[in-house]
Every structure is written in structure tokens, then in C-alpha cells.
Amino acid sequence: MIKNSRTLGLTLAFAVAGATLAACGDAGTASSGDHARSVVVFMPPGSDNYLAEWQRGARAEAQKLGIDIKILENQFSQPEQDTQVQQQLGSGSKPDAYIWWPVDNAAGLASLKKLHDSDVPTFQTNQNPDSRGLEYIVAYAGVDDTQNGDVSGQLAVQARDKLKESGVPLHSAGGNAIAVTFPAGYGATEDRMKGFQKRIEGSGIQVIAEAPAGFDQTTGYKIGAQLIAANKAKGIDIVYAENDALADGAIQALEEAGYQPGKNVAVVGGNCHGDFSNLQAGKQFGTGLQAASLEGQYTVDVVNTYLKTKQVKDGEARPEASPDKAPTVDSVSRYNFIPNPMVHSNEVQSTSLWGHKMTDLCTY
């Protein structure tokens, strides 16, 4: 999930925990005369709401296109994902393409290379590829987390300015910010913070503390409360949470600590994630519309187009954030990014992306 170009090819990683195998498959019906193509996806578990939505979008698009899709889930465990790769390659069954969503970009390189060496076209999704793994993938399709952080940085500057206009005294010349992030080692954690920090350069906003949490409201509350207690004496003007579930938890912690989110402290999110009542109530200033189901849909579209054309162009494809319809994927670029439009608290009901209302895309 760029208005400003960002350097790609970062070394990324995911948090690692647990070990359970779940495999899901959905078969689409190919049109008359169409070859029934097949795709195997390796990814973390659909027990996470965002990942479940990604799967829903991918399955629906695969069925529409006549693609058989099998999703191999792991419980955020790179060793488990490595085993799944070994089992798939040892089965003797070759799909038309692999989609790779690594648990740990660096630690997963050996498995990615094995997929590449099987001569099956392999695409990476959701996490920008490790620079050492670029030679093993045909293309990347999905979000741009650096752009996501950039959008949140823009929101932070706007929210800070609104505080000043409202007469709220800041605790430093440009305002003090704390950040509640995804887990340490998770690829998007680093990318979003880099995009955020780059965007606020020169604004005067200082990130005085950040701490890794998780992806949900519970961890957002726990880590948010710890950050607030540790930094209350310095003064907190802005809270940046890398998704809105974390923001919800941070808002709860702020209120318990005596703050009034939306009035004397500003909260900005990274992307909509389930309940957005705090956003609509103005307790959260804004977010990015990163639609999980559309990411899954778009990734399958990119893979399907490549299987038809067998061609990849250098550079990036960044389809417009049209409210009306999804783009037609006529060609594949090396990097293919979905949009992440900025949404303020008063724009939730009026915002649509690719023919879907935000209220539908973000309620899961």
C-alpha cells in the first residue's frame, strides 16, 4: 500500500509463533475453451481478520477467472511454512503459479529459492520483497507499507495543525508523538515507520517513543498504556498506531489516563481494520483505506495476467484509487501496488474504492 517514490527491496521479517497447518482450497470453473489454471498460496493464518479478508478477495477473484486456488496457512511460523514448501514440492504436483507471503522475509529465502527452482512462476504479496530474494520472484503484487506510513505521516501533520488551531498547547515546538507498532521483526513494522518518519521530517513532530505490540485492540491497549505511562511527563500530543485496531486500544488507554482523544491529543491510524466507531466519532483523526479483500483480488489479477502474457515490465504499476471500479490489469510490472487513499474521520460514509463502500471494505 505512493505519492512519493520509496526505495524498495528492504530486508523484512515477520513475528514467529506457534505451529499448525491449515489448508484451504476453492475451485473455480473455467470458461469454455479456457485452461483451468491453478495457484498455490503460502501465507500466515486466516484467523487474523485482515488475512481472512485477503483470502476472501483472492478466492472470489480466482473463482471468477476460473482458477483453482489452494491456500496453505501457517501460524506465523517460518519453520512451519518451510515444511509446507517441502511438502508441496515433494508432492509432484505443479501448479501454474505460487503466491508467497513470507512469515520472515530473510529466514524464508531458502524456501523462496526452492519455489523458484521448481520452474513455477512465483509472486510475492503483502510484504515488500527482501533485496536478496528479488531474483526468485516474477513480480510483487499487494500493499506498499512505506506509502501507508507516508499517508499516516501526512495525517499526523494535519492533526497536529488542527490541535494548534484549536488552541491546544503542544509539549514541544512541533508536538510529541508516540507510536504503537506491529510486532518487532514484522516487515510492515519497519516499512510503515520509515514512511511515517520520512513524511514528518521538517514538520517539527518528534517521535519520542515507540514500542511493538501486535495487530489487535488488546495489544494496542496494553502497549499504548505502557507508552502513555512512561511518557506522560514529557507530554503526548500525537499517537500513531500502525492499524486502526491498535488505535482503538490506544484510545482506550488514553481515556483511562485522563486524555480526550480528538480534543487534547490526536490519534492517527495506519489502515482501517474492523470497527471504526472511534474514527467516525472523531476520536481518531484519520486512516488509510487499505482494503484487504481488494489486495487479494488484485494479486490474483496480476498472476492471471502474467499467466496469459508471460511478460513483466520494469518499474511500478500504481492503479488509481477510483471510487467506481477496479482497474483492468492488462499488463504486469515488477511491482504492482494497490492504492491507500487517505480518509478523515468525517469521510468514512462518503468514501468508496474500486466500486465498494469503505463501510463494507473495512467492516470485518
Protein backbone atom coordinates (compact mmCIF):
# COMPACT_ATOMS: atom_id res chain seq x y z
CA MET A 1 0.00 0.00 0.00
CA ILE A 2 2.99 6.25 -3.50
CA LYS A 3 2.66 9.75 -3.87
CA ASN A 4 6.39 9.96 -3.28
CA SER A 5 8.67 7.16 -4.54
CA ARG A 6 10.20 4.90 -1.94
CA THR A 7 13.20 2.59 -2.15
CA LEU A 8 12.12 -1.00 -2.41
CA GLY A 9 13.95 -4.18 -1.64
CA LEU A 10 14.20 -3.92 2.13
CA THR A 11 15.11 -6.74 4.42
CA LEU A 12 11.86 -7.66 6.09
CA ALA A 13 10.68 -10.17 8.65
CA PHE A 14 7.55 -11.37 10.44
CA ALA A 15 6.99 -12.32 14.04
CA VAL A 16 7.23 -16.07 14.56
CA ALA A 17 4.88 -18.02 16.82
CA GLY A 18 3.20 -21.44 17.04
CA ALA A 19 2.96 -24.25 14.53
CA THR A 20 -0.24 -25.58 12.93
CA LEU A 21 -1.07 -26.45 9.34
CA ALA A 22 -4.33 -25.46 7.70
CA ALA A 23 -5.02 -25.89 4.02
CA CYS A 24 -7.96 -24.39 2.19
CA GLY A 25 -8.91 -24.84 -1.45
CA ASP A 26 -11.54 -23.33 -3.72
CA ALA A 27 -12.09 -24.38 -7.30
CA GLY A 28 -13.41 -22.04 -9.94
CA THR A 29 -14.98 -23.17 -13.17
CA ALA A 30 -13.03 -22.22 -16.27
CA SER A 31 -14.85 -20.74 -19.25
CA SER A 32 -15.37 -22.93 -22.29
CA GLY A 33 -12.04 -23.47 -24.03
CA ASP A 34 -10.11 -21.99 -21.10
CA HIS A 35 -7.25 -23.83 -19.45
CA ALA A 36 -8.07 -24.49 -15.79
CA ARG A 37 -5.12 -22.75 -14.16
CA SER A 38 -4.07 -23.45 -10.58
CA VAL A 39 -2.38 -21.34 -7.92
CA VAL A 40 -0.96 -22.31 -4.53
CA VAL A 41 -0.65 -19.63 -1.84
CA PHE A 42 1.67 -19.79 1.17
CA MET A 43 0.66 -17.32 3.89
CA PRO A 44 0.09 -16.70 7.64
CA PRO A 45 -3.28 -17.71 9.13
CA GLY A 46 -6.75 -16.54 8.24
CA SER A 47 -7.52 -16.36 11.95
CA ASP A 48 -6.30 -12.77 11.61
CA ASN A 49 -9.17 -10.68 10.25
CA TYR A 50 -7.06 -8.89 7.65
CA LEU A 51 -5.65 -12.14 6.30
CA ALA A 52 -9.11 -13.69 6.22
CA GLU A 53 -10.33 -10.78 4.10
CA TRP A 54 -7.33 -11.12 1.77
CA GLN A 55 -8.26 -14.77 1.29
CA ARG A 56 -11.91 -13.89 0.64
CA GLY A 57 -10.92 -11.45 -2.10
CA ALA A 58 -8.42 -13.85 -3.64
CA ARG A 59 -10.84 -16.78 -3.67
CA ALA A 60 -13.67 -14.74 -5.18
CA GLU A 61 -11.44 -13.43 -7.96
CA ALA A 62 -9.97 -16.87 -8.63
CA GLN A 63 -13.45 -18.34 -8.97
CA LYS A 64 -14.42 -15.53 -11.35
CA LEU A 65 -11.34 -16.19 -13.50
CA GLY A 66 -11.64 -19.98 -13.47
CA ILE A 67 -8.54 -20.52 -11.34
CA ASP A 68 -8.19 -23.34 -8.82
CA ILE A 69 -6.67 -21.80 -5.68
CA LYS A 70 -5.23 -23.62 -2.68
CA ILE A 71 -4.17 -21.67 0.40
CA LEU A 72 -1.64 -23.20 2.80
CA GLU A 73 -1.75 -21.36 6.13
CA ASN A 74 0.83 -21.34 8.87
CA GLN A 75 0.56 -19.99 12.40
CA PHE A 76 3.13 -17.21 11.90
CA SER A 77 5.86 -19.86 11.92
CA GLN A 78 8.63 -19.79 9.33
CA PRO A 79 9.69 -23.40 10.07
CA GLU A 80 6.10 -24.48 9.51
CA GLN A 81 5.96 -22.57 6.23
CA ASP A 82 9.26 -24.15 5.17
CA THR A 83 7.78 -27.59 5.84
CA GLN A 84 4.73 -26.73 3.75
CA VAL A 85 7.01 -25.75 0.86
CA GLN A 86 8.87 -29.06 1.15
CA GLN A 87 5.61 -31.00 1.20
CA GLN A 88 4.22 -29.13 -1.79
CA LEU A 89 7.36 -29.63 -3.86
CA GLY A 90 7.58 -33.27 -2.82
CA SER A 91 4.00 -33.95 -3.86
CA GLY A 92 4.97 -33.99 -7.53
CA SER A 93 2.03 -31.71 -8.32
CA LYS A 94 2.94 -28.45 -10.05
CA PRO A 95 0.51 -25.51 -10.06
CA ASP A 96 0.69 -22.78 -12.68
CA ALA A 97 1.92 -20.26 -10.10
CA TYR A 98 2.88 -19.80 -6.46
CA ILE A 99 1.98 -16.78 -4.32
CA TRP A 100 4.43 -16.25 -1.45
CA TRP A 101 3.51 -14.30 1.69
CA PRO A 102 6.52 -14.95 3.92
CA VAL A 103 6.49 -15.18 7.67
CA ASP A 104 10.08 -13.94 7.73
CA ASN A 105 11.49 -12.44 4.55
CA ALA A 106 15.10 -13.19 5.40
CA ALA A 107 14.64 -16.59 7.03
CA GLY A 108 12.26 -17.66 4.27
CA LEU A 109 14.70 -17.05 1.42
CA ALA A 110 15.76 -20.69 1.18
CA SER A 111 12.16 -21.80 0.69
CA LEU A 112 11.52 -19.00 -1.80
CA LYS A 113 14.54 -20.15 -3.80
CA LYS A 114 13.20 -23.71 -3.83
CA LEU A 115 9.89 -22.47 -5.23
CA HIS A 116 11.78 -20.53 -7.88
CA ASP A 117 13.97 -23.52 -8.75
CA SER A 118 10.86 -25.63 -9.34
CA ASP A 119 10.33 -23.56 -12.51
CA VAL A 120 6.88 -22.48 -11.34
CA PRO A 121 6.38 -18.68 -11.58
CA THR A 122 6.41 -17.27 -8.04
CA PHE A 123 4.88 -13.96 -6.94
CA GLN A 124 5.31 -12.23 -3.59
CA THR A 125 2.45 -10.43 -1.90
CA ASN A 126 1.78 -8.09 1.06
CA GLN A 127 5.39 -7.72 2.26
CA ASN A 128 7.90 -5.92 0.04
CA PRO A 129 10.50 -8.48 -1.06
CA ASP A 130 13.90 -8.82 0.53
CA SER A 131 16.51 -7.47 -1.89
CA ARG A 132 18.26 -10.86 -1.85
CA GLY A 133 15.05 -12.56 -2.94
CA LEU A 134 14.22 -10.39 -5.91
CA GLU A 135 15.80 -12.84 -8.34
CA TYR A 136 13.46 -15.57 -7.12
CA ILE A 137 10.16 -13.83 -7.88
CA VAL A 138 8.45 -12.85 -11.11
CA ALA A 139 6.81 -9.78 -9.55
CA TYR A 140 5.38 -8.29 -6.38
CA ALA A 141 1.66 -7.52 -6.01
CA GLY A 142 -0.05 -6.01 -2.99
CA VAL A 143 0.26 -3.19 -0.49
CA ASP A 144 3.04 -0.65 -0.18
CA ASP A 145 3.65 -0.27 3.54
CA THR A 146 6.04 2.63 3.02
CA GLN A 147 3.24 4.51 1.31
CA ASN A 148 0.96 3.54 4.16
CA GLY A 149 3.34 5.14 6.65
CA ASP A 150 3.62 8.18 4.41
CA VAL A 151 -0.17 8.66 4.48
CA SER A 152 -0.19 8.34 8.27
CA GLY A 153 2.59 10.91 8.47
CA GLN A 154 0.53 13.35 6.43
CA LEU A 155 -2.40 12.76 8.76
CA ALA A 156 -0.18 13.35 11.80
CA VAL A 157 0.91 16.75 10.48
CA GLN A 158 -2.68 17.71 9.70
CA ALA A 159 -3.86 16.55 13.13
CA ARG A 160 -1.08 18.48 14.86
CA ASP A 161 -2.04 21.62 12.95
CA LYS A 162 -5.66 21.16 13.97
CA LEU A 163 -4.64 20.92 17.63
CA LYS A 164 -2.73 24.20 17.30
CA GLU A 165 -5.64 25.90 15.54
CA SER A 166 -7.92 24.77 18.37
CA GLY A 167 -5.62 26.41 20.91
CA VAL A 168 -4.30 23.17 22.40
CA PRO A 169 -0.77 23.78 23.76
CA LEU A 170 1.83 21.39 22.36
CA HIS A 171 4.51 19.81 24.52
CA SER A 172 7.29 20.67 22.07
CA ALA A 173 7.61 23.13 19.21
CA GLY A 174 6.18 20.67 16.68
CA GLY A 175 4.45 18.22 19.00
CA ASN A 176 5.44 14.96 20.70
CA ALA A 177 4.35 11.66 19.18
CA ILE A 178 4.39 8.06 20.37
CA ALA A 179 3.98 5.06 18.06
CA VAL A 180 2.28 1.72 18.70
CA THR A 181 3.57 -0.65 16.03
CA PHE A 182 3.17 -4.15 14.68
CA PRO A 183 5.43 -6.85 16.19
CA ALA A 184 9.20 -6.45 16.14
CA GLY A 185 10.66 -8.10 13.05
CA TYR A 186 7.41 -7.96 11.07
CA GLY A 187 8.15 -6.48 7.67
CA ALA A 188 5.43 -3.84 7.65
CA THR A 189 6.54 -2.56 11.07
CA GLU A 190 9.77 -1.18 9.70
CA ASP A 191 8.37 0.00 6.37
CA ARG A 192 5.48 1.91 7.92
CA MET A 193 7.71 3.62 10.45
CA LYS A 194 10.17 4.59 7.72
CA GLY A 195 7.38 6.10 5.63
CA PHE A 196 5.95 7.89 8.67
CA GLN A 197 9.30 9.30 9.80
CA LYS A 198 10.18 10.44 6.29
CA ARG A 199 6.89 12.28 5.88
CA ILE A 200 7.12 14.15 9.22
CA GLU A 201 10.69 15.32 8.57
CA GLY A 202 10.80 19.08 8.82
CA SER A 203 7.36 19.27 10.45
CA GLY A 204 8.74 19.57 13.96
CA ILE A 205 6.93 16.45 15.15
CA GLN A 206 9.17 14.29 17.33
CA VAL A 207 8.59 10.58 17.85
CA ILE A 208 9.64 10.39 21.49
CA ALA A 209 8.88 6.67 21.94
CA GLU A 210 7.69 3.63 20.02
CA ALA A 211 7.02 0.03 21.04
CA PRO A 212 5.96 -3.16 19.25
CA ALA A 213 2.53 -4.52 20.03
CA GLY A 214 0.63 -6.85 17.69
CA PHE A 215 -2.30 -6.34 15.34
CA ASP A 216 -5.33 -6.16 17.62
CA GLN A 217 -7.07 -3.88 20.08
CA THR A 218 -5.91 -5.86 23.12
CA THR A 219 -2.22 -5.44 22.38
CA GLY A 220 -2.82 -1.84 21.30
CA TYR A 221 -4.32 -1.15 24.71
CA LYS A 222 -1.56 -2.93 26.63
CA ILE A 223 1.38 -1.32 24.82
CA GLY A 224 -0.42 2.00 24.48
CA ALA A 225 -0.95 2.13 28.25
CA GLN A 226 2.73 1.38 28.86
CA LEU A 227 3.87 4.08 26.45
CA ILE A 228 1.47 6.63 27.89
CA ALA A 229 2.57 5.97 31.46
CA ALA A 230 6.26 6.14 30.52
CA ASN A 231 5.93 9.37 28.55
CA LYS A 232 3.13 11.30 30.21
CA ALA A 233 5.60 13.59 32.00
CA LYS A 234 7.17 14.57 28.66
CA GLY A 235 3.75 15.27 27.19
CA ILE A 236 1.97 13.44 24.38
CA ASP A 237 0.32 15.27 21.50
CA ILE A 238 0.00 12.57 18.80
CA VAL A 239 -0.40 8.81 18.86
CA TYR A 240 0.42 6.89 15.69
CA ALA A 241 -0.90 3.32 15.56
CA GLU A 242 0.07 1.14 12.60
CA ASN A 243 -3.51 -0.06 12.15
CA ASP A 244 -6.88 1.03 13.50
CA ALA A 245 -7.34 -1.94 15.81
CA LEU A 246 -4.18 -0.83 17.63
CA ALA A 247 -5.53 2.73 17.54
CA ASP A 248 -8.74 1.58 19.26
CA GLY A 249 -6.71 0.04 22.06
CA ALA A 250 -4.56 3.15 22.37
CA ILE A 251 -7.67 5.35 22.54
CA GLN A 252 -8.99 3.26 25.42
CA ALA A 253 -5.65 3.64 27.22
CA LEU A 254 -5.59 7.39 26.60
CA GLU A 255 -9.08 7.86 28.02
CA GLU A 256 -8.22 5.84 31.12
CA ALA A 257 -5.16 8.06 31.58
CA GLY A 258 -7.32 11.21 31.51
CA TYR A 259 -6.79 12.30 27.89
CA GLN A 260 -9.54 13.29 25.47
CA PRO A 261 -8.68 11.81 22.06
CA GLY A 262 -9.76 14.15 19.30
CA LYS A 263 -9.64 17.14 21.64
CA ASN A 264 -6.34 17.42 23.52
CA VAL A 265 -4.48 14.56 21.81
CA ALA A 266 -4.63 13.37 18.20
CA VAL A 267 -4.71 9.72 17.13
CA VAL A 268 -3.92 8.59 13.59
CA GLY A 269 -4.17 5.05 12.26
CA GLY A 270 -2.34 3.09 9.57
CA ASN A 271 -5.25 1.34 7.92
CA CYS A 272 -8.88 0.54 8.63
CA HIS A 273 -9.19 -2.74 10.48
CA GLY A 274 -12.65 -3.79 11.64
CA ASP A 275 -14.55 -1.47 13.96
CA PHE A 276 -14.22 2.19 13.01
CA SER A 277 -16.61 3.73 15.52
CA ASN A 278 -13.78 5.75 17.11
CA LEU A 279 -12.85 7.05 13.68
CA GLN A 280 -16.40 8.17 12.90
CA ALA A 281 -16.76 9.69 16.37
CA GLY A 282 -13.70 11.87 15.76
CA LYS A 283 -11.61 10.27 18.48
CA GLN A 284 -9.32 9.09 15.70
CA PHE A 285 -8.32 11.79 13.22
CA GLY A 286 -7.89 9.65 10.11
CA THR A 287 -6.62 6.47 8.50
CA GLY A 288 -5.68 4.87 5.19
CA LEU A 289 -8.12 2.78 3.19
CA GLN A 290 -6.02 -0.33 2.68
CA ALA A 291 -8.60 -2.90 1.65
CA ALA A 292 -7.54 -6.47 2.41
CA SER A 293 -10.07 -8.11 0.08
CA LEU A 294 -9.02 -5.84 -2.79
CA GLU A 295 -5.38 -6.73 -2.17
CA GLY A 296 -6.22 -10.42 -2.55
CA GLN A 297 -8.30 -9.69 -5.64
CA TYR A 298 -5.59 -7.57 -7.26
CA THR A 299 -2.84 -10.09 -6.53
CA VAL A 300 -4.80 -12.84 -8.28
CA ASP A 301 -5.46 -10.49 -11.22
CA VAL A 302 -1.73 -9.80 -11.59
CA VAL A 303 -0.89 -13.52 -11.51
CA ASN A 304 -3.65 -14.30 -14.03
CA THR A 305 -2.44 -11.62 -16.45
CA TYR A 306 1.12 -12.93 -16.27
CA LEU A 307 -0.04 -16.48 -16.95
CA LYS A 308 -1.73 -15.19 -20.11
CA THR A 309 1.03 -12.85 -21.34
CA LYS A 310 4.24 -14.29 -19.80
CA GLN A 311 5.58 -10.73 -19.75
CA VAL A 312 6.77 -8.39 -16.99
CA LYS A 313 7.65 -4.72 -17.41
CA ASP A 314 10.27 -2.93 -15.36
CA GLY A 315 9.12 -0.38 -12.81
CA GLU A 316 5.89 0.06 -10.86
CA ALA A 317 2.17 -0.10 -11.52
CA ARG A 318 0.03 2.07 -9.24
CA PRO A 319 -3.63 1.94 -10.27
CA GLU A 320 -5.77 4.91 -9.37
CA ALA A 321 -7.89 4.95 -6.25
CA SER A 322 -11.07 5.12 -8.30
CA PRO A 323 -14.26 5.05 -6.23
CA ASP A 324 -16.17 3.38 -9.05
CA LYS A 325 -14.45 0.29 -10.37
CA ALA A 326 -11.37 -1.89 -10.08
CA PRO A 327 -8.66 -1.40 -12.72
CA THR A 328 -8.27 -3.77 -15.61
CA VAL A 329 -4.88 -5.46 -15.24
CA ASP A 330 -3.70 -5.57 -18.86
CA SER A 331 0.00 -5.91 -18.07
CA VAL A 332 2.27 -6.85 -15.18
CA SER A 333 5.02 -4.64 -13.77
CA ARG A 334 7.84 -5.69 -11.49
CA TYR A 335 5.99 -4.01 -8.61
CA ASN A 336 2.19 -3.78 -8.56
CA PHE A 337 0.72 -1.75 -5.69
CA ILE A 338 -2.86 -1.25 -4.56
CA PRO A 339 -3.81 2.31 -3.53
CA ASN A 340 -4.11 3.50 0.06
CA PRO A 341 -6.23 6.67 -0.04
CA MET A 342 -6.32 8.98 2.97
CA VAL A 343 -9.61 9.08 4.86
CA HIS A 344 -10.52 11.63 7.55
CA SER A 345 -12.99 10.93 10.31
CA ASN A 346 -15.83 12.78 8.57
CA GLU A 347 -15.29 10.98 5.24
CA VAL A 348 -16.00 7.37 6.20
CA GLN A 349 -19.58 7.21 4.94
CA SER A 350 -18.80 9.00 1.67
CA THR A 351 -15.64 7.07 0.69
CA SER A 352 -15.58 4.23 -1.82
CA LEU A 353 -12.78 2.35 -3.55
CA TRP A 354 -13.00 0.23 -6.70
CA GLY A 355 -16.79 0.00 -6.53
CA HIS A 356 -17.05 -0.80 -2.82
CA LYS A 357 -18.01 1.43 0.09
CA MET A 358 -15.44 1.90 2.81
CA THR A 359 -18.04 0.75 5.33
CA ASP A 360 -18.14 -2.61 3.50
CA LEU A 361 -14.40 -2.93 2.88
CA CYS A 362 -13.40 -2.19 6.45
CA THR A 363 -16.04 -3.99 8.49
CA TYR A 364 -14.71 -7.43 9.31
